[in-house]
Amino acid sequence: MRKLKSDQMRIRRLNLLLTYRCNSHCRHCCYFCGLDGKGLMTAAQVSKYLRALEDHPLESVWIYGGEPFLYPRVLTEVVKIARRHNIPEIGVLTNGYWARRKKTAQKRLEILREAGVTSLTVSTDGFHAEGITPEMAYTAGHMALDAGIEQVDFSITFLPPRGSSNRYNDLSEDIWERLERTNGIPLREKTVTMIGRAAEGLLEHCQLKKLRRKNVCRPPDYIGGSWRNPQGLEIDPYGWIMVCPGMSLGRIGERSLADILQRYKKDGGPLWQSLWERGPHGLLDMAVQKGYQPLSGYVDYCHLCYHVRKFLQPHFQISFSPQNCYQEPVETGRRMQ
């Protein structure tokens, strides 16, 4: 491993969005995933990414979608590649739909554990319950433990604020209470990020409010660091490098990963400079200059940022990519019941 220069970005977390295809159609999804979702990352792509980051202090690789278990062979190959690169934590995020076929599921989990998976998170809440029963998710979590995966937890998502009553939060609270009382597996609380399908279809369940000017904003927790110095990257099946859903540094293939990171760190350009210095209101100011009419209120700063980005997208098509974060796939209509 070569020593990184003092002014170089240091990536500790690599998040791989394996596919936009999912057996469910969750209303809080940032990426408009569903049965019409497309794209599938290859093992060769992952090898290329990890080689490009071999000088970085990578601590974790997480694999999700969409639903990664729809492609078990590719998932297993990606895990093996991460293990060969001596990544300490290799995790998979899933909705647990596969637990309905217990013998097949147990075998898949054992293969993944042997391949190198150290962590598995099962999502179950009022949103996922529209496509996968909570009982199925509970079964998936316990099967993962039985297969010997070191760390297993449940992720339960709430609309902000958590205490507000609506059909999604009420069911999420019921699931939380049941698991807390009977489960024994750690629970992880998450808040809906008002991006993508969430921002388009859940506003009726949220309170809109005027937001005070906020000049400090940070990337999501799974990215970490700051906008100027993110500690993680998210890469989708098409090679888009994101530091937040729909906020791209560029696309691998058009340029190399190393070149994209170097150029971003060196300059970033006026759009990123605005975000670095003034947070989401920097983007808002830029949008107003181009004719954007602010809403009377927003759910939170993520909602403000997303709504402004949708307006600005025609002007910054590279930075506000991929399109999967801004609209449903062209083909629609098939839904998981």
Protein backbone atom coordinates (compact mmCIF):
# COMPACT_ATOMS: atom_id res chain seq x y z
CA MET A 1 0.00 0.00 0.00
CA ARG A 2 1.38 3.36 -1.01
CA LYS A 3 1.12 6.23 1.40
CA LEU A 4 -1.55 8.77 0.46
CA LYS A 5 -0.52 12.39 0.13
CA SER A 6 -1.72 14.74 2.85
CA ASP A 7 -4.13 16.50 0.49
CA GLN A 8 -5.71 13.30 -0.86
CA MET A 9 -9.14 12.01 0.08
CA ARG A 10 -9.15 9.03 2.46
CA ILE A 11 -11.99 6.60 1.78
CA ARG A 12 -12.92 4.31 4.63
CA ARG A 13 -16.34 3.04 3.52
CA LEU A 14 -17.36 1.66 0.15
CA ASN A 15 -21.09 1.19 -0.44
CA LEU A 16 -22.10 -0.85 -3.47
CA LEU A 17 -25.61 -0.40 -4.85
CA LEU A 18 -25.64 -3.77 -6.60
CA THR A 19 -28.88 -3.28 -8.53
CA TYR A 20 -31.91 -1.00 -8.75
CA ARG A 21 -34.15 -4.05 -9.13
CA CYS A 22 -36.18 -5.01 -6.08
CA ASN A 23 -39.01 -7.41 -5.36
CA SER A 24 -40.74 -4.63 -3.42
CA HIS A 25 -41.76 -1.05 -4.17
CA CYS A 26 -41.19 0.79 -0.89
CA ARG A 27 -42.71 4.26 -0.70
CA HIS A 28 -39.71 5.66 1.18
CA CYS A 29 -37.06 4.49 -1.31
CA CYS A 30 -34.52 7.12 -2.36
CA TYR A 31 -33.82 5.35 -5.64
CA PHE A 32 -37.27 4.46 -7.06
CA CYS A 33 -36.31 0.78 -6.86
CA GLY A 34 -38.78 -1.92 -7.85
CA LEU A 35 -39.46 -4.78 -10.25
CA ASP A 36 -38.81 -2.38 -13.14
CA GLY A 37 -35.44 -1.39 -11.72
CA LYS A 38 -32.48 -2.19 -13.92
CA GLY A 39 -28.72 -2.49 -13.79
CA LEU A 40 -26.54 -5.11 -12.15
CA MET A 41 -23.01 -4.52 -10.92
CA THR A 42 -20.48 -7.14 -11.98
CA ALA A 43 -17.71 -8.80 -10.03
CA ALA A 44 -15.23 -7.32 -12.50
CA GLN A 45 -16.44 -3.81 -11.70
CA VAL A 46 -16.01 -4.40 -7.96
CA SER A 47 -12.49 -5.74 -8.47
CA LYS A 48 -11.64 -2.59 -10.41
CA TYR A 49 -13.05 -0.32 -7.70
CA LEU A 50 -11.19 -2.07 -4.90
CA ARG A 51 -7.92 -2.00 -6.82
CA ALA A 52 -8.39 1.73 -7.34
CA LEU A 53 -8.90 2.17 -3.59
CA GLU A 54 -6.16 -0.18 -2.39
CA ASP A 55 -4.13 2.74 -1.01
CA HIS A 56 -7.09 3.98 1.03
CA PRO A 57 -7.79 2.86 4.62
CA LEU A 58 -10.95 0.92 3.70
CA GLU A 59 -12.73 -0.40 6.77
CA SER A 60 -16.00 -1.64 5.31
CA VAL A 61 -17.83 -2.69 2.17
CA TRP A 62 -21.62 -2.76 2.28
CA ILE A 63 -23.74 -4.28 -0.48
CA TYR A 64 -27.40 -3.42 -1.05
CA GLY A 65 -29.88 -2.37 -3.72
CA GLY A 66 -32.63 -2.73 -4.68
CA GLU A 67 -32.49 -6.22 -3.27
CA PRO A 68 -29.07 -7.90 -3.53
CA PHE A 69 -30.42 -11.41 -2.80
CA LEU A 70 -32.17 -11.36 -6.19
CA TYR A 71 -28.70 -12.10 -7.60
CA PRO A 72 -27.15 -14.56 -5.13
CA ARG A 73 -24.25 -15.65 -7.35
CA VAL A 74 -23.13 -12.09 -8.08
CA LEU A 75 -23.59 -11.18 -4.42
CA THR A 76 -21.39 -14.08 -3.33
CA GLU A 77 -18.68 -13.19 -5.87
CA VAL A 78 -18.63 -9.56 -4.70
CA VAL A 79 -18.28 -10.69 -1.08
CA LYS A 80 -15.37 -12.99 -2.01
CA ILE A 81 -13.60 -10.16 -3.81
CA ALA A 82 -13.97 -7.85 -0.80
CA ARG A 83 -12.60 -10.57 1.45
CA ARG A 84 -9.57 -11.05 -0.82
CA HIS A 85 -8.86 -7.35 -0.30
CA ASN A 86 -8.87 -7.93 3.49
CA ILE A 87 -11.79 -5.60 4.19
CA PRO A 88 -12.56 -5.93 7.94
CA GLU A 89 -16.34 -5.48 7.66
CA ILE A 90 -18.37 -6.89 4.76
CA GLY A 91 -22.09 -6.28 5.15
CA VAL A 92 -25.31 -6.92 3.25
CA LEU A 93 -28.57 -4.97 3.58
CA THR A 94 -31.71 -6.91 2.65
CA ASN A 95 -35.48 -7.01 3.13
CA GLY A 96 -35.41 -10.73 3.98
CA TYR A 97 -37.94 -11.86 1.35
CA TRP A 98 -35.84 -14.97 0.69
CA ALA A 99 -36.60 -16.47 4.11
CA ARG A 100 -39.87 -17.99 2.82
CA ARG A 101 -37.85 -20.88 1.35
CA LYS A 102 -35.99 -21.89 4.48
CA LYS A 103 -33.72 -24.65 3.19
CA THR A 104 -32.55 -22.59 0.22
CA ALA A 105 -32.19 -19.50 2.41
CA GLN A 106 -30.11 -21.30 5.02
CA LYS A 107 -27.78 -22.63 2.35
CA ARG A 108 -27.36 -19.15 0.81
CA LEU A 109 -26.57 -17.64 4.19
CA GLU A 110 -23.97 -20.28 4.95
CA ILE A 111 -22.35 -19.70 1.55
CA LEU A 112 -22.26 -15.96 2.21
CA ARG A 113 -20.75 -16.46 5.66
CA GLU A 114 -18.06 -18.72 4.21
CA ALA A 115 -17.45 -16.19 1.42
CA GLY A 116 -16.74 -13.49 4.01
CA VAL A 117 -19.94 -11.71 5.11
CA THR A 118 -19.49 -10.40 8.65
CA SER A 119 -22.69 -8.33 9.00
CA LEU A 120 -26.28 -8.53 7.81
CA THR A 121 -29.03 -5.96 8.32
CA VAL A 122 -32.68 -6.81 7.68
CA SER A 123 -35.02 -3.88 6.99
CA THR A 124 -38.51 -4.20 8.44
CA ASP A 125 -40.97 -1.38 9.16
CA GLY A 126 -44.22 0.15 8.06
CA PHE A 127 -42.84 0.70 4.56
CA HIS A 128 -41.30 -2.71 3.93
CA ALA A 129 -44.37 -4.40 5.42
CA GLU A 130 -46.37 -3.42 2.32
CA GLY A 131 -44.34 -6.00 0.37
CA ILE A 132 -42.71 -8.34 2.91
CA THR A 133 -44.37 -9.36 6.15
CA PRO A 134 -42.54 -8.49 9.37
CA GLU A 135 -42.66 -12.20 10.24
CA MET A 136 -40.61 -12.96 7.13
CA ALA A 137 -38.03 -10.36 8.16
CA TYR A 138 -37.86 -11.78 11.72
CA THR A 139 -37.22 -15.23 10.27
CA ALA A 140 -34.48 -13.90 8.00
CA GLY A 141 -32.67 -12.23 10.89
CA HIS A 142 -32.69 -15.34 13.08
CA MET A 143 -31.64 -17.55 10.18
CA ALA A 144 -28.63 -15.28 9.64
CA LEU A 145 -27.65 -15.73 13.28
CA ASP A 146 -28.08 -19.50 13.02
CA ALA A 147 -25.84 -19.48 9.93
CA GLY A 148 -23.05 -17.97 12.03
CA ILE A 149 -22.98 -14.42 10.66
CA GLU A 150 -21.23 -12.36 13.34
CA GLN A 151 -23.39 -9.23 13.45
CA VAL A 152 -27.10 -9.20 12.64
CA ASP A 153 -29.55 -6.37 13.28
CA PHE A 154 -32.91 -5.02 12.19
CA SER A 155 -33.31 -1.58 10.62
CA ILE A 156 -36.62 0.14 11.36
CA THR A 157 -37.46 3.41 9.60
CA PHE A 158 -39.78 6.20 10.76
CA LEU A 159 -41.15 9.34 9.15
CA PRO A 160 -39.89 12.45 10.99
CA PRO A 161 -40.52 13.04 13.78
CA ARG A 162 -40.69 9.50 15.11
CA GLY A 163 -43.44 10.34 17.60
CA SER A 164 -45.86 11.50 14.91
CA SER A 165 -48.80 9.19 14.24
CA ASN A 166 -49.48 7.94 10.72
CA ARG A 167 -50.02 4.50 9.23
CA TYR A 168 -46.32 3.98 8.57
CA ASN A 169 -44.99 5.14 11.92
CA ASP A 170 -47.72 3.33 13.83
CA LEU A 171 -46.77 0.03 12.22
CA SER A 172 -43.04 0.74 12.63
CA GLU A 173 -43.66 1.36 16.35
CA ASP A 174 -45.56 -1.93 16.64
CA ILE A 175 -42.69 -3.78 14.97
CA TRP A 176 -40.13 -2.03 17.19
CA GLU A 177 -42.02 -2.88 20.38
CA ARG A 178 -42.50 -6.50 19.36
CA LEU A 179 -38.84 -6.99 18.46
CA GLU A 180 -37.60 -5.15 21.54
CA ARG A 181 -39.77 -7.36 23.72
CA THR A 182 -39.17 -10.78 22.16
CA ASN A 183 -36.30 -10.68 19.72
CA GLY A 184 -32.84 -10.30 21.26
CA ILE A 185 -31.33 -8.98 18.00
CA PRO A 186 -30.19 -5.32 18.05
CA LEU A 187 -32.51 -2.72 16.54
CA ARG A 188 -31.36 0.25 14.50
CA GLU A 189 -33.59 3.32 14.18
CA LYS A 190 -33.57 5.20 10.89
CA THR A 191 -35.36 8.31 9.64
CA VAL A 192 -36.84 8.54 6.17
CA THR A 193 -34.57 10.56 3.88
CA MET A 194 -36.83 12.82 1.83
CA ILE A 195 -35.23 11.99 -1.49
CA GLY A 196 -36.60 10.12 -4.49
CA ARG A 197 -39.90 8.28 -4.08
CA ALA A 198 -40.13 9.40 -0.44
CA ALA A 199 -40.14 13.09 -1.42
CA GLU A 200 -42.68 12.46 -4.16
CA GLY A 201 -45.22 10.37 -2.29
CA LEU A 202 -45.01 10.81 1.49
CA LEU A 203 -45.49 14.54 2.00
CA GLU A 204 -49.14 14.09 2.99
CA HIS A 205 -47.91 12.30 6.12
CA CYS A 206 -45.39 15.02 7.06
CA GLN A 207 -45.51 18.51 8.50
CA LEU A 208 -43.99 21.20 6.29
CA LYS A 209 -42.19 24.05 8.01
CA LYS A 210 -40.06 27.06 7.24
CA LEU A 211 -36.40 26.28 7.73
CA ARG A 212 -33.88 28.69 9.15
CA ARG A 213 -30.78 29.26 7.10
CA LYS A 214 -28.26 26.52 7.75
CA ASN A 215 -24.73 26.75 6.41
CA VAL A 216 -23.50 23.43 7.78
CA CYS A 217 -24.58 20.18 6.18
CA ARG A 218 -22.94 16.76 6.18
CA PRO A 219 -23.19 13.66 4.02
CA PRO A 220 -25.33 10.72 5.23
CA ASP A 221 -23.97 8.63 8.10
CA TYR A 222 -23.05 5.71 5.83
CA ILE A 223 -20.77 8.11 3.92
CA GLY A 224 -19.41 10.13 6.83
CA GLY A 225 -16.91 12.98 6.90
CA SER A 226 -17.79 16.27 5.22
CA TRP A 227 -18.73 17.32 1.70
CA ARG A 228 -15.19 18.53 1.16
CA ASN A 229 -13.70 15.35 2.63
CA PRO A 230 -16.19 12.48 2.47
CA GLN A 231 -15.05 9.28 4.17
CA GLY A 232 -17.21 7.01 2.05
CA LEU A 233 -18.47 6.49 -1.47
CA GLU A 234 -21.58 4.92 -2.92
CA ILE A 235 -21.28 3.42 -6.41
CA ASP A 236 -24.27 2.26 -8.47
CA PRO A 237 -24.41 -0.43 -11.20
CA TYR A 238 -23.68 2.14 -13.91
CA GLY A 239 -20.55 3.50 -12.24
CA TRP A 240 -22.01 6.70 -10.78
CA ILE A 241 -20.08 7.72 -7.65
CA MET A 242 -22.38 9.31 -5.07
CA VAL A 243 -21.81 10.99 -1.72
CA CYS A 244 -25.59 11.28 -1.19
CA PRO A 245 -28.43 9.74 -3.23
CA GLY A 246 -28.55 11.69 -6.50
CA MET A 247 -25.37 13.71 -5.82
CA SER A 248 -22.60 12.42 -8.04
CA LEU A 249 -18.89 13.16 -8.32
CA GLY A 250 -18.84 11.60 -11.78
CA ARG A 251 -19.17 8.32 -13.62
CA ILE A 252 -16.44 5.68 -13.75
CA GLY A 253 -15.66 4.80 -17.34
CA GLU A 254 -15.80 8.35 -18.57
CA ARG A 255 -12.96 8.97 -16.12
CA SER A 256 -11.12 6.73 -13.68
CA LEU A 257 -12.15 6.57 -10.04
CA ALA A 258 -8.81 8.01 -8.95
CA ASP A 259 -9.12 10.92 -11.39
CA ILE A 260 -12.67 11.69 -10.27
CA LEU A 261 -11.65 11.81 -6.61
CA GLN A 262 -8.58 13.92 -7.34
CA ARG A 263 -10.49 16.50 -9.38
CA TYR A 264 -13.26 16.75 -6.77
CA LYS A 265 -10.78 17.23 -3.94
CA LYS A 266 -8.82 19.83 -5.88
CA ASP A 267 -11.70 22.06 -6.94
CA GLY A 268 -15.22 20.66 -6.97
CA GLY A 269 -16.50 23.48 -9.15
CA PRO A 270 -18.99 26.25 -8.26
CA LEU A 271 -21.86 23.91 -7.39
CA TRP A 272 -19.89 21.88 -4.86
CA GLN A 273 -18.13 24.97 -3.55
CA SER A 274 -21.57 26.43 -2.84
CA LEU A 275 -22.57 23.32 -0.90
CA TRP A 276 -19.25 23.21 0.97
CA GLU A 277 -19.58 26.80 2.14
CA ARG A 278 -23.35 27.38 2.54
CA GLY A 279 -25.01 23.99 2.77
CA PRO A 280 -28.40 23.38 1.11
CA HIS A 281 -29.19 27.10 1.14
CA GLY A 282 -26.22 27.63 -1.15
CA LEU A 283 -27.99 25.42 -3.71
CA LEU A 284 -31.25 27.26 -2.98
CA ASP A 285 -29.65 30.63 -3.73
CA MET A 286 -28.28 29.24 -6.99
CA ALA A 287 -31.71 27.88 -7.94
CA VAL A 288 -33.53 31.15 -7.13
CA GLN A 289 -31.16 32.97 -9.47
CA LYS A 290 -32.31 30.59 -12.21
CA GLY A 291 -36.03 31.11 -11.49
CA TYR A 292 -36.82 28.59 -8.76
CA GLN A 293 -39.83 29.46 -6.59
CA PRO A 294 -39.27 28.20 -3.02
CA LEU A 295 -42.04 26.19 -1.39
CA SER A 296 -43.86 27.64 1.61
CA GLY A 297 -42.33 24.90 3.73
CA TYR A 298 -40.21 21.75 3.64
CA VAL A 299 -40.11 18.60 5.74
CA ASP A 300 -36.42 19.07 6.52
CA TYR A 301 -33.15 20.14 4.91
CA CYS A 302 -32.90 16.94 2.86
CA HIS A 303 -36.31 17.70 1.34
CA LEU A 304 -35.23 21.28 0.59
CA CYS A 305 -32.03 20.06 -1.03
CA TYR A 306 -33.78 17.41 -3.12
CA HIS A 307 -36.49 19.75 -4.36
CA VAL A 308 -33.89 22.33 -5.35
CA ARG A 309 -31.74 19.67 -7.04
CA LYS A 310 -34.67 18.50 -9.17
CA PHE A 311 -35.04 22.06 -10.44
CA LEU A 312 -31.31 22.44 -11.06
CA GLN A 313 -30.78 19.03 -12.62
CA PRO A 314 -31.00 20.21 -16.27
CA HIS A 315 -28.16 22.65 -15.51
CA PHE A 316 -25.96 20.11 -13.64
CA GLN A 317 -26.71 16.74 -15.18
CA ILE A 318 -23.46 15.10 -14.04
CA SER A 319 -23.53 16.33 -10.45
CA PHE A 320 -27.22 15.50 -10.01
CA SER A 321 -27.15 11.94 -11.25
CA PRO A 322 -28.15 9.15 -11.58
CA GLN A 323 -31.65 9.64 -12.91
CA ASN A 324 -32.82 6.75 -10.70
CA CYS A 325 -32.94 9.20 -7.78
CA TYR A 326 -35.22 11.64 -9.58
CA GLN A 327 -37.96 9.65 -11.31
CA GLU A 328 -39.63 6.25 -11.60
CA PRO A 329 -38.31 3.85 -14.27
CA VAL A 330 -40.03 4.20 -17.64
CA GLU A 331 -41.78 0.84 -17.34
CA THR A 332 -44.19 0.76 -14.42
CA GLY A 333 -47.14 -1.19 -13.17
CA ARG A 334 -45.66 -4.38 -11.78
CA ARG A 335 -45.80 -4.45 -8.02
CA MET A 336 -44.99 -6.98 -5.33
CA GLN A 337 -48.18 -7.88 -3.49
